[in-house]
C-alpha atoms as a PDB file:
ATOM      1  CA  MET A   1     -32.889  47.078  35.823  1.00  0.00           C
ATOM      2  CA  ALA A   2     -32.224  43.377  36.503  1.00  0.00           C
ATOM      3  CA  LEU A   3     -33.360  40.848  33.939  1.00  0.00           C
ATOM      4  CA  ARG A   4     -36.041  38.513  35.108  1.00  0.00           C
ATOM      5  CA  ARG A   5     -35.083  34.883  34.852  1.00  0.00           C
ATOM      6  CA  GLU A   6     -37.617  32.150  34.391  1.00  0.00           C
ATOM      7  CA  PRO A   7     -37.747  29.554  37.127  1.00  0.00           C
ATOM      8  CA  PHE A   8     -35.778  26.431  36.336  1.00  0.00           C
ATOM      9  CA  PHE A   9     -38.898  24.263  36.275  1.00  0.00           C
ATOM     10  CA  LEU A  10     -40.450  26.488  33.559  1.00  0.00           C
ATOM     11  CA  CYS A  11     -37.382  25.985  31.374  1.00  0.00           C
ATOM     12  CA  ILE A  12     -37.826  22.249  31.827  1.00  0.00           C
ATOM     13  CA  VAL A  13     -41.509  22.488  30.877  1.00  0.00           C
ATOM     14  CA  HIS A  14     -40.741  24.521  27.750  1.00  0.00           C
ATOM     15  CA  PHE A  15     -38.024  22.078  26.725  1.00  0.00           C
ATOM     16  CA  HIS A  16     -40.376  19.153  27.305  1.00  0.00           C
ATOM     17  CA  GLN A  17     -43.136  20.771  25.237  1.00  0.00           C
ATOM     18  CA  LYS A  18     -40.742  21.478  22.370  1.00  0.00           C
ATOM     19  CA  THR A  19     -39.433  17.922  22.489  1.00  0.00           C
ATOM     20  CA  MET A  20     -42.956  16.481  22.471  1.00  0.00           C
ATOM     21  CA  LEU A  21     -43.970  18.672  19.530  1.00  0.00           C
ATOM     22  CA  THR A  22     -40.905  17.600  17.574  1.00  0.00           C
ATOM     23  CA  PHE A  23     -41.610  13.949  18.374  1.00  0.00           C
ATOM     24  CA  ALA A  24     -45.277  14.309  17.386  1.00  0.00           C
ATOM     25  CA  HIS A  25     -44.295  15.958  14.092  1.00  0.00           C
ATOM     26  CA  MET A  26     -41.867  13.120  13.366  1.00  0.00           C
ATOM     27  CA  ILE A  27     -44.495  10.459  14.089  1.00  0.00           C
ATOM     28  CA  LEU A  28     -47.109  12.214  11.933  1.00  0.00           C
ATOM     29  CA  HIS A  29     -44.637  12.556   9.077  1.00  0.00           C
ATOM     30  CA  ARG A  30     -43.791   8.870   9.193  1.00  0.00           C
ATOM     31  CA  LEU A  31     -47.473   7.928   9.333  1.00  0.00           C
ATOM     32  CA  HIS A  32     -48.129  10.210   6.362  1.00  0.00           C
ATOM     33  CA  LEU A  33     -45.406   8.491   4.341  1.00  0.00           C
ATOM     34  CA  SER A  34     -46.802   5.088   5.360  1.00  0.00           C
ATOM     35  CA  ALA A  35     -50.252   6.160   4.169  1.00  0.00           C
ATOM     36  CA  GLN A  36     -48.798   7.292   0.838  1.00  0.00           C
ATOM     37  CA  ILE A  37     -47.139   3.899   0.446  1.00  0.00           C
ATOM     38  CA  THR A  38     -50.371   2.065   1.325  1.00  0.00           C
ATOM     39  CA  ARG A  39     -52.264   4.202  -1.188  1.00  0.00           C
ATOM     40  CA  GLY A  40     -49.949   2.702  -3.801  1.00  0.00           C
ATOM     41  CA  LEU A  41     -51.749  -0.619  -3.433  1.00  0.00           C
ATOM     42  CA  TYR A  42     -54.680   0.892  -5.318  1.00  0.00           C
ATOM     43  CA  LEU A  43     -52.952   2.986  -7.972  1.00  0.00           C
ATOM     44  CA  THR A  44     -52.913   1.850 -11.586  1.00  0.00           C
ATOM     45  CA  ASP A  45     -51.248   2.935 -14.813  1.00  0.00           C
ATOM     46  CA  ALA A  46     -53.417   5.477 -16.620  1.00  0.00           C
ATOM     47  CA  ARG A  47     -51.680   4.530 -19.868  1.00  0.00           C
ATOM     48  CA  ARG A  48     -53.222   1.066 -19.789  1.00  0.00           C
ATOM     49  CA  SER A  49     -56.598   0.090 -21.132  1.00  0.00           C
ATOM     50  CA  ALA A  50     -59.537  -0.130 -18.742  1.00  0.00           C
ATOM     51  CA  MET A  51     -59.207  -3.915 -18.518  1.00  0.00           C
ATOM     52  CA  GLY A  52     -55.442  -3.599 -18.164  1.00  0.00           C
ATOM     53  CA  ARG A  53     -55.884  -1.310 -15.174  1.00  0.00           C
ATOM     54  CA  VAL A  54     -58.428  -3.643 -13.590  1.00  0.00           C
ATOM     55  CA  TRP A  55     -56.035  -6.580 -13.954  1.00  0.00           C
ATOM     56  CA  GLN A  56     -53.092  -4.544 -12.622  1.00  0.00           C
ATOM     57  CA  LEU A  57     -55.115  -3.845  -9.479  1.00  0.00           C
ATOM     58  CA  LEU A  58     -56.573  -7.319  -9.005  1.00  0.00           C
ATOM     59  CA  SER A  59     -53.287  -9.110  -9.679  1.00  0.00           C
ATOM     60  CA  ARG A  60     -51.666  -7.443  -6.661  1.00  0.00           C
ATOM     61  CA  PHE A  61     -54.059  -9.262  -4.354  1.00  0.00           C
ATOM     62  CA  THR A  62     -54.052 -12.569  -6.259  1.00  0.00           C
ATOM     63  CA  TRP A  63     -51.385 -13.360  -8.865  1.00  0.00           C
ATOM     64  CA  GLU A  64     -48.724 -11.108  -7.258  1.00  0.00           C
ATOM     65  CA  LEU A  65     -49.882 -11.504  -3.655  1.00  0.00           C
ATOM     66  CA  PRO A  66     -46.607 -12.789  -2.084  1.00  0.00           C
ATOM     67  CA  GLN A  67     -44.399  -9.968  -3.369  1.00  0.00           C
ATOM     68  CA  THR A  68     -47.174  -7.414  -2.875  1.00  0.00           C
ATOM     69  CA  LEU A  69     -47.441  -8.334   0.796  1.00  0.00           C
ATOM     70  CA  VAL A  70     -43.658  -8.478   1.359  1.00  0.00           C
ATOM     71  CA  GLY A  71     -43.126  -5.236  -0.558  1.00  0.00           C
ATOM     72  CA  TRP A  72     -45.831  -3.371   1.334  1.00  0.00           C
ATOM     73  CA  LEU A  73     -44.625  -4.593   4.741  1.00  0.00           C
ATOM     74  CA  TYR A  74     -41.030  -3.729   3.925  1.00  0.00           C
ATOM     75  CA  SER A  75     -41.779  -0.250   2.545  1.00  0.00           C
ATOM     76  CA  VAL A  76     -44.139   0.679   5.367  1.00  0.00           C
ATOM     77  CA  GLY A  77     -41.705  -0.731   7.909  1.00  0.00           C
ATOM     78  CA  ARG A  78     -38.922   1.439   6.513  1.00  0.00           C
ATOM     79  CA  ALA A  79     -41.179   4.499   6.670  1.00  0.00           C
ATOM     80  CA  LEU A  80     -42.180   3.878  10.270  1.00  0.00           C
ATOM     81  CA  VAL A  81     -38.555   3.660  11.441  1.00  0.00           C
ATOM     82  CA  GLY A  82     -37.516   6.774   9.540  1.00  0.00           C
ATOM     83  CA  LYS A  83     -35.827   5.122   6.570  1.00  0.00           C
ATOM     84  CA  VAL A  84     -38.024   6.812   3.948  1.00  0.00           C
ATOM     85  CA  ASP A  85     -37.752  10.493   3.043  1.00  0.00           C
ATOM     86  CA  ARG A  86     -40.093  10.690   0.072  1.00  0.00           C
ATOM     87  CA  VAL A  87     -42.724   8.663  -1.778  1.00  0.00           C
ATOM     88  CA  ASP A  88     -43.309   8.979  -5.532  1.00  0.00           C
ATOM     89  CA  THR A  89     -45.539   7.136  -7.963  1.00  0.00           C
ATOM     90  CA  LEU A  90     -45.494   6.503 -11.700  1.00  0.00           C
ATOM     91  CA  GLY A  91     -47.362   4.010 -13.843  1.00  0.00           C
ATOM     92  CA  GLY A  92     -49.110   2.570 -10.790  1.00  0.00           C
ATOM     93  CA  ILE A  93     -45.770   1.777  -9.132  1.00  0.00           C
ATOM     94  CA  THR A  94     -44.772   3.279  -5.752  1.00  0.00           C
ATOM     95  CA  PHE A  95     -41.209   4.405  -5.033  1.00  0.00           C
ATOM     96  CA  ALA A  96     -40.067   4.826  -1.410  1.00  0.00           C
ATOM     97  CA  THR A  97     -36.733   6.664  -1.188  1.00  0.00           C
ATOM     98  CA  LYS A  98     -34.181   7.269   1.540  1.00  0.00           C
ATOM     99  CA  LYS A  99     -31.638   9.972   0.724  1.00  0.00           C
ATOM    100  CA  GLY A 100     -28.035  10.381   1.775  1.00  0.00           C
ATOM    101  CA  TYR A 101     -26.199   7.357   0.400  1.00  0.00           C
ATOM    102  CA  SER A 102     -22.940   7.425  -1.524  1.00  0.00           C
ATOM    103  CA  PHE A 103     -24.370   5.306  -4.347  1.00  0.00           C
ATOM    104  CA  GLY A 104     -27.832   4.485  -5.674  1.00  0.00           C
ATOM    105  CA  MET A 105     -29.442   1.131  -4.955  1.00  0.00           C
ATOM    106  CA  GLY A 106     -32.920  -0.311  -5.274  1.00  0.00           C
ATOM    107  CA  VAL A 107     -35.127  -3.308  -4.516  1.00  0.00           C
ATOM    108  CA  SER A 108     -38.350  -4.113  -6.330  1.00  0.00           C
ATOM    109  CA  LEU A 109     -41.076  -6.165  -4.643  1.00  0.00           C
ATOM    110  CA  GLY A 110     -44.369  -6.337  -6.478  1.00  0.00           C
ATOM    111  CA  THR A 111     -45.729  -2.838  -6.945  1.00  0.00           C
ATOM    112  CA  PHE A 112     -43.247  -1.319  -4.482  1.00  0.00           C
ATOM    113  CA  VAL A 113     -39.739  -0.073  -5.209  1.00  0.00           C
ATOM    114  CA  ASP A 114     -37.443   0.796  -2.302  1.00  0.00           C
ATOM    115  CA  LEU A 115     -34.556   3.119  -3.125  1.00  0.00           C
ATOM    116  CA  TRP A 116     -31.406   4.281  -1.375  1.00  0.00           C
ATOM    117  CA  ALA A 117     -30.575   7.516  -3.170  1.00  0.00           C
ATOM    118  CA  ALA A 118     -27.157   8.973  -3.965  1.00  0.00           C
ATOM    119  CA  PRO A 119     -26.691  12.790  -3.889  1.00  0.00           C
ATOM    120  CA  TRP A 120     -26.899  12.990  -7.680  1.00  0.00           C
ATOM    121  CA  MET A 121     -30.407  11.470  -7.691  1.00  0.00           C
ATOM    122  CA  GLN A 122     -32.448  14.661  -7.905  1.00  0.00           C
ATOM    123  CA  GLY A 123     -35.846  15.681  -9.299  1.00  0.00           C
ATOM    124  CA  GLU A 124     -39.460  16.139  -8.323  1.00  0.00           C
ATOM    125  CA  GLY A 125     -42.521  14.066  -9.196  1.00  0.00           C
ATOM    126  CA  ASP A 126     -42.252  12.122 -12.443  1.00  0.00           C
ATOM    127  CA  GLY A 127     -39.004  13.942 -13.156  1.00  0.00           C
ATOM    128  CA  TYR A 128     -37.334  12.136 -10.273  1.00  0.00           C
ATOM    129  CA  ILE A 129     -38.129   8.730 -11.751  1.00  0.00           C
ATOM    130  CA  LEU A 130     -37.570   9.683 -15.380  1.00  0.00           C
ATOM    131  CA  GLY A 131     -34.321  11.463 -14.563  1.00  0.00           C
ATOM    132  CA  ASN A 132     -32.729   8.566 -12.691  1.00  0.00           C
ATOM    133  CA  GLN A 133     -32.197   5.367 -14.618  1.00  0.00           C
ATOM    134  CA  ILE A 134     -32.002   3.231 -11.508  1.00  0.00           C
ATOM    135  CA  CYS A 135     -35.651   4.124 -10.848  1.00  0.00           C
ATOM    136  CA  MET A 136     -36.617   3.047 -14.361  1.00  0.00           C
ATOM    137  CA  HIS A 137     -34.567  -0.138 -14.010  1.00  0.00           C
ATOM    138  CA  GLU A 138     -36.407  -1.085 -10.811  1.00  0.00           C
ATOM    139  CA  PHE A 139     -39.687  -0.254 -12.558  1.00  0.00           C
ATOM    140  CA  GLY A 140     -38.667  -2.875 -15.122  1.00  0.00           C
ATOM    141  CA  HIS A 141     -38.587  -5.545 -12.422  1.00  0.00           C
ATOM    142  CA  THR A 142     -42.259  -4.874 -11.675  1.00  0.00           C
ATOM    143  CA  ALA A 143     -43.084  -6.084 -15.187  1.00  0.00           C
ATOM    144  CA  ASP A 144     -41.611  -9.480 -14.318  1.00  0.00           C
ATOM    145  CA  SER A 145     -43.592  -9.481 -11.101  1.00  0.00           C
ATOM    146  CA  GLN A 146     -46.734  -9.194 -13.203  1.00  0.00           C
ATOM    147  CA  ARG A 147     -45.536 -11.934 -15.564  1.00  0.00           C
ATOM    148  CA  PHE A 148     -44.258 -14.501 -13.057  1.00  0.00           C
ATOM    149  CA  GLY A 149     -46.793 -13.981 -10.292  1.00  0.00           C
ATOM    150  CA  TRP A 150     -46.252 -16.364  -7.366  1.00  0.00           C
ATOM    151  CA  LEU A 151     -43.020 -17.563  -8.993  1.00  0.00           C
ATOM    152  CA  TYR A 152     -41.459 -14.080  -9.001  1.00  0.00           C
ATOM    153  CA  LEU A 153     -39.685 -14.355  -5.643  1.00  0.00           C
ATOM    154  CA  PRO A 154     -38.035 -17.773  -6.242  1.00  0.00           C
ATOM    155  CA  VAL A 155     -37.391 -17.319  -9.977  1.00  0.00           C
ATOM    156  CA  ILE A 156     -36.432 -13.621 -10.169  1.00  0.00           C
ATOM    157  CA  GLY A 157     -36.078 -12.149  -6.686  1.00  0.00           C
ATOM    158  CA  LEU A 158     -33.912 -14.766  -4.987  1.00  0.00           C
ATOM    159  CA  PRO A 159     -31.447 -15.281  -7.870  1.00  0.00           C
ATOM    160  CA  SER A 160     -31.094 -11.505  -8.237  1.00  0.00           C
ATOM    161  CA  LEU A 161     -30.444 -11.073  -4.508  1.00  0.00           C
ATOM    162  CA  LEU A 162     -27.860 -13.857  -4.391  1.00  0.00           C
ATOM    163  CA  ASN A 163     -26.072 -12.480  -7.435  1.00  0.00           C
ATOM    164  CA  ALA A 164     -26.045  -8.958  -5.972  1.00  0.00           C
ATOM    165  CA  MET A 165     -24.375 -10.365  -2.857  1.00  0.00           C
ATOM    166  CA  GLY A 166     -21.638 -11.950  -4.958  1.00  0.00           C
ATOM    167  CA  LYS A 167     -18.507 -10.450  -6.445  1.00  0.00           C
ATOM    168  CA  GLY A 168     -19.448 -10.376 -10.132  1.00  0.00           C
ATOM    169  CA  ASP A 169     -20.963  -7.580 -12.219  1.00  0.00           C
ATOM    170  CA  HIS A 170     -24.579  -7.600 -11.100  1.00  0.00           C
ATOM    171  CA  SER A 171     -25.651  -5.335 -13.979  1.00  0.00           C
ATOM    172  CA  VAL A 172     -25.112  -8.100 -16.557  1.00  0.00           C
ATOM    173  CA  PHE A 173     -26.990 -10.784 -14.615  1.00  0.00           C
ATOM    174  CA  TRP A 174     -29.930 -12.103 -16.601  1.00  0.00           C
ATOM    175  CA  THR A 175     -32.610 -10.835 -14.187  1.00  0.00           C
ATOM    176  CA  GLU A 176     -31.204  -7.294 -14.470  1.00  0.00           C
ATOM    177  CA  ILE A 177     -30.993  -7.423 -18.249  1.00  0.00           C
ATOM    178  CA  ARG A 178     -34.638  -8.517 -18.348  1.00  0.00           C
ATOM    179  CA  ALA A 179     -35.597  -5.540 -16.141  1.00  0.00           C
ATOM    180  CA  ASN A 180     -33.650  -3.174 -18.396  1.00  0.00           C
ATOM    181  CA  ARG A 181     -35.424  -4.488 -21.483  1.00  0.00           C
ATOM    182  CA  HIS A 182     -38.844  -4.069 -19.890  1.00  0.00           C
ATOM    183  CA  ALA A 183     -37.954  -0.562 -18.723  1.00  0.00           C
ATOM    184  CA  MET A 184     -36.488   0.463 -22.065  1.00  0.00           C
ATOM    185  CA  ARG A 185     -39.628  -0.609 -23.921  1.00  0.00           C
ATOM    186  CA  TYR A 186     -41.984   1.111 -21.497  1.00  0.00           C
ATOM    187  CA  PHE A 187     -40.153   4.412 -21.120  1.00  0.00           C
ATOM    188  CA  SER A 188     -39.101   4.774 -24.754  1.00  0.00           C
ATOM    189  CA  LYS A 189     -42.695   4.162 -25.861  1.00  0.00           C
ATOM    190  CA  ASN A 190     -44.473   6.313 -23.271  1.00  0.00           C
ATOM    191  CA  TYR A 191     -41.911   8.998 -22.458  1.00  0.00           C
ATOM    192  CA  SER A 192     -39.520   8.984 -25.452  1.00  0.00           C
ATOM    193  CA  ILE A 193     -36.624   8.154 -23.124  1.00  0.00           C
ATOM    194  CA  ALA A 194     -33.349   7.281 -24.864  1.00  0.00           C
ATOM    195  CA  TRP A 195     -32.087   4.289 -22.908  1.00  0.00           C
ATOM    196  CA  ASN A 196     -28.481   4.498 -21.709  1.00  0.00           C
ATOM    197  CA  GLU A 197     -26.785   1.103 -21.902  1.00  0.00           C
ATOM    198  CA  ASN A 198     -23.950   2.239 -19.621  1.00  0.00           C
ATOM    199  CA  GLY A 199     -24.559   0.344 -16.401  1.00  0.00           C
ATOM    200  CA  TYR A 200     -28.014  -0.794 -17.555  1.00  0.00           C
ATOM    201  CA  PRO A 201     -27.392  -3.091 -20.547  1.00  0.00           C
ATOM    202  CA  THR A 202     -30.185  -4.761 -22.465  1.00  0.00           C
ATOM    203  CA  GLU A 203     -27.840  -7.387 -23.851  1.00  0.00           C
ATOM    204  CA  ASN A 204     -25.137  -9.486 -22.194  1.00  0.00           C
ATOM    205  CA  MET A 205     -22.042  -8.724 -24.273  1.00  0.00           C
ATOM    206  CA  ALA A 206     -19.757 -10.990 -22.214  1.00  0.00           C
END
């Protein structure tokens, strides 16, 4: 008995439907990640006092407004073009990660941390952040965002960026040491994390 073959135009229709479904799924996934990032604008650290949480929220739209706006636009923009694979939160800070890089790297802008994850950066939920020191280091930068406010970008962000683009050891630059100190204090106090000075020093020994 001869096999019945579908008309060529039906194959085209089926292929088109499958392609459209795949495209729709991709768009919805990116929108979902963007919504998760946007939700981070309103998350606060449950370990803070009631007034501390109120200030953390309000400062994003006042004292930290420049870096909040830049950080949100950058993180959402990455998500919309497919450069974010996962979104995690801890302590009121939002982490947007893209996997598949040979080394770990991060940028902290206000309440948003953008990460480029190396294969060894594994974990789920809080464990992802607590298990990868680069995440905690970038968290430390958010403390300076809250301290410096409108001066964060010119005083901390720009010098850090310029130094990272240079040829020296970025890990011992003063902005990075400050972030490590903030992170060490927060995570040792709240999560009993033993800070590893290797690559994330809290003192400049040069």
